[in-house]
Amino acid sequence: MEKNTANDRQWYYKKQSGRQEFMRGPFTRQEILKKHEDGVIDRDTFIRYGNGYWYPLSHYLSDVPIYKKPFVKFIVLFLIAASILLLVSRLYRARAPYKIPVTASGLPSVQGKGPLTEPKHPLQEALTKEDIIRLTNSTRVQNGLQQLAENQLLNDIAEERVRDMFEKQYFGHVSTTGEGASDVAQRAGYRYKVIAENIASGRFLNNQKIIDGWLQSPGHRKNMLSRDIKEIGVAVAEGTMQGQNTFIAVQVFGLQSPPVTTQLQPRVCIPPSKELRNEIEVKKAEISNLNGVLADMKQKLDVEKESIEADKRTASNDKQAMHDRRIKIAVYNEKANVHNNLLAEVKAKRMVLEDMIKKYNEMVQNYHECQSSK
């Protein structure tokens, strides 16, 4: 800010407040610099001398090295972090991880009878669904409970859950699209009163290690030793998760809804599932929270976009101004990508919610029709 003397009052600045701009001045050069030191204005605040053009304050602070400017520092740190991530990624790829076994359909294979893969450890036994079911029932008998009947539909549900985790690279009871075992069961046509799921991931030497891990977890132990379940389905597969070779095992427990009665039997009206209703409310609350986050992000993006457009209309076309605008646009585009990804996730969750509501409404309608026909 070398123009004129320090006592020359011809300096002005303007700032944005919502959709309006206001101008302050006149000030001396020292007063402008003092306001910058006090945080009243920043390097992006537009400054004007006399009747000249408006420029960002950074235009006048030519004594500050470019590497100390906030946006440039941000870009440098971002490039360093990206380089580190790229190096780590290449190191993982160099290890040539074991590929997921696939079937003729191209999907990850899921164990039925026989060994899943050739054991890679001298003491490792083949992990099979038959052994996991046998050990589960043995554990239930030791705790004074009835054995569970294997159900092929529950096996199919467990297989789909394992396949979904490997394909979408996550480990959890809820998919990245918001779908869980109960959603898969509804889609598969398993009419349940109770549905529960146990999952495990790791390098297991034998089937008993998987069972022991579930028994040490209060929630998984409760599912395995529940008195409210009658059937079980299991799947176990080996594949690559986040660059690491691992096993994923899934148990799905169920209690089917009573079968449709014949004309010779009294008709039993089944009320709509309270569990499904609770799941619908939870998913509604989740989507509502995400919508709030999206609205806040959209509002901030709109303000940033308007600021960029204003820069294009009023700022000069010198190299520094154009450089600053490019950085603003790059940051805006990155935030817009985050917003769009979250928007796609909310849309997927909303589709699952709509299916759940449709299923629940069908239950309500069937129940009312049953009651009115008595």
Protein backbone atom coordinates (compact mmCIF):
# COMPACT_ATOMS: atom_id res chain seq x y z
CA MET A 1 0.00 0.00 0.00
CA GLU A 2 2.55 2.52 -1.17
CA LYS A 3 0.09 5.10 -2.54
CA ASN A 4 0.30 8.64 -1.10
CA THR A 5 1.12 9.49 2.48
CA ALA A 6 -0.06 7.73 5.61
CA ASN A 7 -2.36 10.65 6.51
CA ASP A 8 -4.12 10.81 3.13
CA ARG A 9 -7.80 9.93 3.81
CA GLN A 10 -8.86 8.50 0.48
CA TRP A 11 -9.07 4.78 1.32
CA TYR A 12 -12.41 2.89 1.42
CA TYR A 13 -13.42 -0.74 1.91
CA LYS A 14 -16.64 -2.64 1.28
CA LYS A 15 -17.99 -5.88 2.76
CA GLN A 16 -20.84 -8.29 2.01
CA SER A 17 -23.76 -8.64 4.44
CA GLY A 18 -26.20 -11.23 3.14
CA ARG A 19 -27.17 -10.05 -0.34
CA GLN A 20 -26.16 -6.41 0.29
CA GLU A 21 -22.81 -4.62 0.22
CA PHE A 22 -21.84 -1.65 2.34
CA MET A 23 -18.91 0.77 2.01
CA ARG A 24 -16.87 2.29 4.86
CA GLY A 25 -14.45 5.24 4.71
CA PRO A 26 -12.63 7.40 4.13
CA PHE A 27 -9.57 6.12 6.08
CA THR A 28 -5.87 6.66 6.02
CA ARG A 29 -3.54 3.94 4.81
CA GLN A 30 -2.43 3.23 8.41
CA GLU A 31 -6.04 2.92 9.55
CA ILE A 32 -6.74 0.36 6.81
CA LEU A 33 -3.67 -1.66 7.85
CA LYS A 34 -4.75 -1.45 11.53
CA LYS A 35 -8.22 -2.81 10.67
CA HIS A 36 -6.55 -5.71 8.88
CA GLU A 37 -4.38 -6.44 11.93
CA ASP A 38 -7.46 -6.30 14.21
CA GLY A 39 -9.41 -8.73 12.00
CA VAL A 40 -12.06 -6.18 10.97
CA ILE A 41 -11.15 -6.79 7.32
CA ASP A 42 -9.18 -9.62 5.68
CA ARG A 43 -7.05 -10.07 2.59
CA ASP A 44 -10.14 -10.73 0.44
CA THR A 45 -11.91 -7.49 1.47
CA PHE A 46 -12.25 -5.09 -1.49
CA ILE A 47 -10.28 -1.80 -1.09
CA ARG A 48 -10.39 1.36 -3.19
CA TYR A 49 -8.19 4.42 -3.26
CA GLY A 50 -10.01 7.61 -4.19
CA ASN A 51 -12.22 7.03 -7.25
CA GLY A 52 -10.10 4.14 -8.53
CA TYR A 53 -11.03 0.49 -9.07
CA TRP A 54 -11.90 -1.93 -6.30
CA TYR A 55 -9.20 -4.52 -5.54
CA PRO A 56 -8.81 -7.15 -2.78
CA LEU A 57 -6.61 -5.95 0.07
CA SER A 58 -4.11 -8.66 -0.95
CA HIS A 59 -3.51 -6.65 -4.13
CA TYR A 60 -1.89 -3.91 -2.05
CA LEU A 61 0.00 -6.17 0.37
CA SER A 62 2.73 -6.94 -2.11
CA ASP A 63 5.29 -7.33 0.65
CA VAL A 64 3.73 -10.60 1.82
CA PRO A 65 5.40 -13.66 0.17
CA ILE A 66 2.98 -15.69 -1.95
CA TYR A 67 3.65 -18.90 0.02
CA LYS A 68 2.21 -17.20 3.16
CA LYS A 69 -1.13 -16.34 1.54
CA PRO A 70 -3.99 -18.35 3.09
CA PHE A 71 -5.34 -19.94 -0.10
CA VAL A 72 -1.85 -20.84 -1.35
CA LYS A 73 -0.99 -22.39 2.03
CA PHE A 74 -4.20 -24.43 1.82
CA ILE A 75 -3.34 -25.68 -1.69
CA VAL A 76 0.22 -26.60 -0.65
CA LEU A 77 -1.03 -28.58 2.38
CA PHE A 78 -3.67 -30.27 0.21
CA LEU A 79 -1.05 -31.32 -2.38
CA ILE A 80 1.25 -32.70 0.35
CA ALA A 81 -1.60 -34.76 1.84
CA ALA A 82 -2.61 -36.04 -1.60
CA SER A 83 0.97 -37.10 -2.33
CA ILE A 84 1.16 -39.04 0.93
CA LEU A 85 -2.15 -40.83 0.20
CA LEU A 86 -0.98 -41.69 -3.32
CA LEU A 87 2.27 -43.15 -1.96
CA VAL A 88 0.40 -45.27 0.62
CA SER A 89 -2.02 -46.48 -2.07
CA ARG A 90 0.86 -47.57 -4.32
CA LEU A 91 2.50 -49.46 -1.44
CA TYR A 92 -0.74 -51.40 -0.81
CA ARG A 93 -1.14 -52.20 -4.50
CA ALA A 94 2.43 -53.43 -4.66
CA ARG A 95 1.53 -56.14 -2.17
CA ALA A 96 -0.77 -57.75 -4.82
CA PRO A 97 -3.67 -58.62 -2.46
CA TYR A 98 -5.54 -61.90 -2.83
CA LYS A 99 -8.57 -61.55 -5.14
CA ILE A 100 -12.10 -62.44 -4.06
CA PRO A 101 -13.09 -65.93 -5.27
CA VAL A 102 -15.87 -65.56 -7.85
CA THR A 103 -18.59 -67.76 -9.24
CA ALA A 104 -19.72 -68.07 -12.86
CA SER A 105 -21.93 -65.02 -12.34
CA GLY A 106 -18.87 -62.91 -11.48
CA LEU A 107 -19.99 -62.31 -7.86
CA PRO A 108 -17.82 -63.21 -4.80
CA SER A 109 -18.21 -66.89 -3.96
CA VAL A 110 -19.96 -67.88 -0.73
CA GLN A 111 -19.17 -71.13 1.04
CA GLY A 112 -21.57 -74.04 0.81
CA LYS A 113 -20.15 -77.52 1.36
CA GLY A 114 -16.45 -78.29 1.49
CA PRO A 115 -13.54 -75.91 2.18
CA LEU A 116 -13.78 -72.28 1.11
CA THR A 117 -10.12 -71.97 0.09
CA GLU A 118 -7.00 -73.95 0.58
CA PRO A 119 -5.74 -73.23 4.13
CA LYS A 120 -2.85 -70.75 4.13
CA HIS A 121 -1.76 -71.57 7.69
CA PRO A 122 -0.63 -75.04 8.80
CA LEU A 123 -3.23 -75.03 11.59
CA GLN A 124 -6.07 -73.29 9.72
CA GLU A 125 -9.18 -75.35 9.05
CA ALA A 126 -11.73 -74.76 6.34
CA LEU A 127 -14.47 -72.33 7.38
CA THR A 128 -17.92 -73.66 6.46
CA LYS A 129 -21.50 -72.71 7.15
CA GLU A 130 -22.25 -76.30 8.25
CA ASP A 131 -19.64 -76.12 11.04
CA ILE A 132 -20.79 -72.67 12.14
CA ILE A 133 -24.41 -73.88 12.37
CA ARG A 134 -23.31 -77.03 14.23
CA LEU A 135 -21.22 -75.05 16.74
CA THR A 136 -24.04 -72.51 17.20
CA ASN A 137 -26.54 -75.27 18.04
CA SER A 138 -24.01 -76.93 20.35
CA THR A 139 -23.64 -73.65 22.22
CA ARG A 140 -27.43 -73.27 22.51
CA VAL A 141 -27.81 -76.83 23.90
CA GLN A 142 -25.10 -76.12 26.49
CA ASN A 143 -27.17 -73.12 27.60
CA GLY A 144 -30.42 -75.11 27.84
CA LEU A 145 -31.91 -73.85 24.55
CA GLN A 146 -33.39 -75.62 21.55
CA GLN A 147 -31.36 -76.11 18.41
CA LEU A 148 -32.10 -73.91 15.38
CA ALA A 149 -33.33 -75.28 12.04
CA GLU A 150 -31.31 -74.32 8.97
CA ASN A 151 -33.41 -72.25 6.56
CA GLN A 152 -32.26 -71.91 2.94
CA LEU A 153 -33.89 -68.51 2.52
CA LEU A 154 -31.93 -67.24 5.53
CA ASN A 155 -28.78 -68.75 3.95
CA ASP A 156 -29.49 -66.72 0.82
CA ILE A 157 -29.97 -63.55 2.89
CA ALA A 158 -26.65 -64.14 4.69
CA GLU A 159 -24.91 -64.73 1.34
CA GLU A 160 -26.25 -61.46 -0.05
CA ARG A 161 -25.09 -59.57 3.04
CA VAL A 162 -21.54 -60.97 2.70
CA ARG A 163 -21.46 -60.22 -1.02
CA ASP A 164 -22.72 -56.65 -0.45
CA MET A 165 -19.95 -55.93 2.10
CA PHE A 166 -17.21 -57.07 -0.25
CA GLU A 167 -18.66 -55.28 -3.27
CA LYS A 168 -19.19 -51.94 -1.46
CA GLN A 169 -16.13 -52.27 0.79
CA TYR A 170 -17.71 -51.75 4.22
CA PHE A 171 -18.20 -53.87 7.34
CA GLY A 172 -21.37 -53.22 9.31
CA HIS A 173 -24.99 -54.15 9.88
CA VAL A 174 -26.19 -51.36 7.54
CA SER A 175 -25.09 -51.02 3.90
CA THR A 176 -23.80 -47.77 2.44
CA THR A 177 -27.25 -47.43 0.84
CA GLY A 178 -29.00 -47.76 4.23
CA GLU A 179 -30.09 -51.37 3.77
CA GLY A 180 -29.81 -54.03 6.51
CA ALA A 181 -30.65 -57.71 6.95
CA SER A 182 -34.33 -56.92 7.58
CA ASP A 183 -34.53 -55.05 4.25
CA VAL A 184 -32.95 -57.99 2.41
CA ALA A 185 -35.35 -60.38 4.17
CA GLN A 186 -38.38 -58.35 3.05
CA ARG A 187 -37.09 -58.27 -0.51
CA ALA A 188 -36.39 -62.02 -0.47
CA GLY A 189 -39.91 -62.83 0.78
CA TYR A 190 -38.98 -64.10 4.25
CA ARG A 191 -42.02 -63.10 6.33
CA TYR A 192 -40.62 -62.69 9.81
CA LYS A 193 -41.72 -61.75 13.27
CA VAL A 194 -38.10 -61.65 14.48
CA ILE A 195 -34.94 -61.10 12.44
CA ALA A 196 -31.41 -60.64 13.82
CA GLU A 197 -27.88 -60.64 12.40
CA ASN A 198 -24.35 -61.43 13.64
CA ILE A 199 -21.31 -60.44 11.56
CA ALA A 200 -17.58 -61.16 11.97
CA SER A 201 -14.46 -60.17 10.02
CA GLY A 202 -10.86 -61.30 10.37
CA ARG A 203 -8.31 -64.06 9.78
CA PHE A 204 -9.85 -66.98 11.71
CA LEU A 205 -7.87 -70.22 12.21
CA ASN A 206 -11.03 -72.26 12.75
CA ASN A 207 -14.82 -72.05 13.00
CA GLN A 208 -14.77 -72.08 16.81
CA LYS A 209 -12.82 -68.79 16.82
CA ILE A 210 -15.73 -67.13 14.99
CA ILE A 211 -18.24 -68.48 17.53
CA ASP A 212 -16.02 -67.43 20.46
CA GLY A 213 -15.78 -63.88 19.09
CA TRP A 214 -19.57 -63.58 18.88
CA LEU A 215 -20.01 -64.97 22.39
CA GLN A 216 -17.64 -62.31 23.77
CA SER A 217 -19.82 -59.53 22.31
CA PRO A 218 -22.96 -58.88 24.45
CA GLY A 219 -25.14 -58.00 21.46
CA HIS A 220 -24.03 -60.95 19.32
CA ARG A 221 -24.28 -63.35 22.27
CA LYS A 222 -27.84 -62.18 22.93
CA ASN A 223 -28.80 -62.92 19.32
CA MET A 224 -27.21 -66.39 19.35
CA LEU A 225 -28.84 -67.42 22.65
CA SER A 226 -32.24 -65.81 22.06
CA ARG A 227 -35.35 -67.85 22.94
CA ASP A 228 -37.39 -65.95 20.36
CA ILE A 229 -35.71 -67.43 17.25
CA LYS A 230 -36.26 -70.80 15.58
CA GLU A 231 -34.21 -70.70 12.35
CA ILE A 232 -30.71 -69.84 11.19
CA GLY A 233 -28.88 -69.09 7.96
CA VAL A 234 -25.09 -68.70 7.59
CA ALA A 235 -22.60 -67.57 4.96
CA VAL A 236 -18.82 -67.21 5.09
CA ALA A 237 -16.52 -65.97 2.34
CA GLU A 238 -12.95 -64.83 1.82
CA GLY A 239 -12.03 -61.70 -0.11
CA THR A 240 -10.26 -58.34 -0.10
CA MET A 241 -11.45 -55.59 2.24
CA GLN A 242 -9.71 -52.21 2.10
CA GLY A 243 -6.67 -53.85 0.48
CA GLN A 244 -6.43 -56.62 3.10
CA ASN A 245 -7.29 -60.31 2.65
CA THR A 246 -9.96 -61.29 5.19
CA PHE A 247 -12.91 -63.55 5.97
CA ILE A 248 -16.44 -62.25 6.55
CA ALA A 249 -19.00 -64.47 8.29
CA VAL A 250 -22.71 -63.69 8.73
CA GLN A 251 -25.38 -65.38 10.84
CA VAL A 252 -29.03 -64.48 10.23
CA PHE A 253 -31.58 -65.61 12.83
CA GLY A 254 -35.31 -65.58 12.24
CA LEU A 255 -38.76 -66.43 13.49
CA GLN A 256 -41.31 -66.59 10.70
CA SER A 257 -44.77 -65.05 10.90
CA PRO A 258 -47.58 -67.61 11.36
CA PRO A 259 -48.61 -69.20 8.05
CA VAL A 260 -51.88 -68.25 6.38
CA THR A 261 -54.68 -70.30 7.94
CA THR A 262 -56.95 -72.61 5.94
CA GLN A 263 -60.75 -72.35 5.77
CA LEU A 264 -61.06 -75.12 8.35
CA GLN A 265 -59.06 -73.08 10.90
CA PRO A 266 -60.04 -69.82 12.59
CA ARG A 267 -58.46 -66.89 10.81
CA VAL A 268 -55.72 -65.11 12.74
CA CYS A 269 -55.27 -61.43 11.98
CA ILE A 270 -51.61 -60.39 12.17
CA PRO A 271 -51.15 -56.76 13.25
CA PRO A 272 -48.56 -54.63 11.45
CA SER A 273 -44.99 -55.09 12.67
CA LYS A 274 -44.02 -52.71 15.49
CA GLU A 275 -40.36 -53.40 14.71
CA LEU A 276 -40.86 -52.29 11.12
CA ARG A 277 -42.71 -49.17 12.29
CA ASN A 278 -39.82 -48.31 14.63
CA GLU A 279 -37.32 -48.83 11.80
CA ILE A 280 -39.35 -46.48 9.60
CA GLU A 281 -39.31 -43.74 12.27
CA VAL A 282 -35.55 -44.14 12.80
CA LYS A 283 -34.87 -43.91 9.07
CA LYS A 284 -37.19 -40.87 8.75
CA ALA A 285 -35.24 -39.09 11.50
CA GLU A 286 -31.94 -39.99 9.84
CA ILE A 287 -33.09 -38.64 6.46
CA SER A 288 -34.49 -35.50 8.11
CA ASN A 289 -31.12 -34.80 9.79
CA LEU A 290 -29.28 -35.32 6.50
CA ASN A 291 -31.72 -32.99 4.72
CA GLY A 292 -30.88 -30.32 7.29
CA VAL A 293 -27.17 -30.79 6.60
CA LEU A 294 -27.83 -30.58 2.86
CA ALA A 295 -29.85 -27.37 3.23
CA ASP A 296 -27.07 -25.74 5.25
CA MET A 297 -24.44 -26.82 2.71
CA LYS A 298 -26.60 -25.55 -0.18
CA GLN A 299 -27.04 -22.16 1.47
CA LYS A 300 -23.29 -21.75 1.98
CA LEU A 301 -22.58 -22.90 -1.57
CA ASP A 302 -25.02 -20.31 -2.92
CA VAL A 303 -23.25 -17.54 -0.98
CA GLU A 304 -19.84 -18.69 -2.26
CA LYS A 305 -21.13 -18.92 -5.83
CA GLU A 306 -22.55 -15.41 -5.64
CA SER A 307 -19.22 -14.16 -4.28
CA ILE A 308 -17.37 -15.78 -7.20
CA GLU A 309 -19.77 -14.20 -9.70
CA ALA A 310 -19.27 -10.82 -8.02
CA ASP A 311 -15.49 -11.25 -8.29
CA LYS A 312 -15.81 -11.91 -12.00
CA ARG A 313 -17.85 -8.73 -12.47
CA THR A 314 -15.83 -6.35 -10.31
CA ALA A 315 -12.32 -7.71 -9.82
CA SER A 316 -9.45 -6.92 -12.16
CA ASN A 317 -7.91 -9.40 -14.56
CA ASP A 318 -4.33 -9.14 -13.29
CA LYS A 319 -2.55 -12.42 -12.57
CA GLN A 320 -3.01 -12.30 -8.79
CA ALA A 321 -6.76 -11.61 -9.01
CA MET A 322 -7.24 -14.38 -11.57
CA HIS A 323 -5.19 -16.75 -9.40
CA ASP A 324 -7.32 -15.98 -6.35
CA ARG A 325 -10.53 -16.55 -8.34
CA ARG A 326 -9.30 -19.94 -9.59
CA ILE A 327 -8.62 -21.03 -6.02
CA LYS A 328 -12.09 -19.90 -4.93
CA ILE A 329 -13.64 -21.85 -7.77
CA ALA A 330 -11.61 -24.99 -6.96
CA VAL A 331 -12.70 -24.87 -3.30
CA TYR A 332 -16.32 -24.29 -4.35
CA ASN A 333 -16.24 -27.26 -6.74
CA GLU A 334 -14.83 -29.55 -4.02
CA LYS A 335 -17.60 -28.55 -1.60
CA ALA A 336 -20.18 -29.02 -4.38
CA ASN A 337 -18.93 -32.58 -4.94
CA VAL A 338 -19.34 -33.37 -1.24
CA HIS A 339 -22.87 -31.93 -1.36
CA ASN A 340 -23.79 -33.98 -4.45
CA ASN A 341 -22.44 -37.24 -2.95
CA LEU A 342 -24.44 -36.69 0.22
CA LEU A 343 -27.52 -35.87 -1.88
CA ALA A 344 -27.16 -39.20 -3.73
CA GLU A 345 -26.84 -41.05 -0.42
CA VAL A 346 -30.02 -39.41 0.89
CA LYS A 347 -31.88 -40.38 -2.29
CA ALA A 348 -30.83 -44.02 -1.84
CA LYS A 349 -31.97 -43.99 1.79
CA ARG A 350 -35.27 -42.42 0.75
CA MET A 351 -35.88 -45.27 -1.73
CA VAL A 352 -35.33 -47.83 1.03
CA LEU A 353 -37.68 -45.87 3.29
CA GLU A 354 -40.37 -45.82 0.61
CA ASP A 355 -40.15 -49.62 0.28
CA MET A 356 -40.44 -49.99 4.06
CA ILE A 357 -43.48 -47.69 4.20
CA LYS A 358 -45.11 -49.58 1.33
CA LYS A 359 -44.55 -52.88 3.14
CA TYR A 360 -45.94 -51.48 6.41
CA ASN A 361 -49.01 -50.02 4.67
CA GLU A 362 -49.70 -53.43 3.13
CA MET A 363 -49.55 -54.97 6.62
CA VAL A 364 -52.00 -52.37 7.92
CA GLN A 365 -54.38 -52.92 5.02
CA ASN A 366 -54.24 -56.72 5.36
CA TYR A 367 -54.88 -56.45 9.08
CA HIS A 368 -57.93 -54.20 8.64
CA GLU A 369 -59.32 -56.46 5.90
CA CYS A 370 -58.83 -59.47 8.14
CA GLN A 371 -60.61 -57.78 11.05
CA SER A 372 -63.54 -56.69 8.91
CA SER A 373 -64.02 -60.20 7.45
CA LYS A 374 -64.48 -61.85 10.83
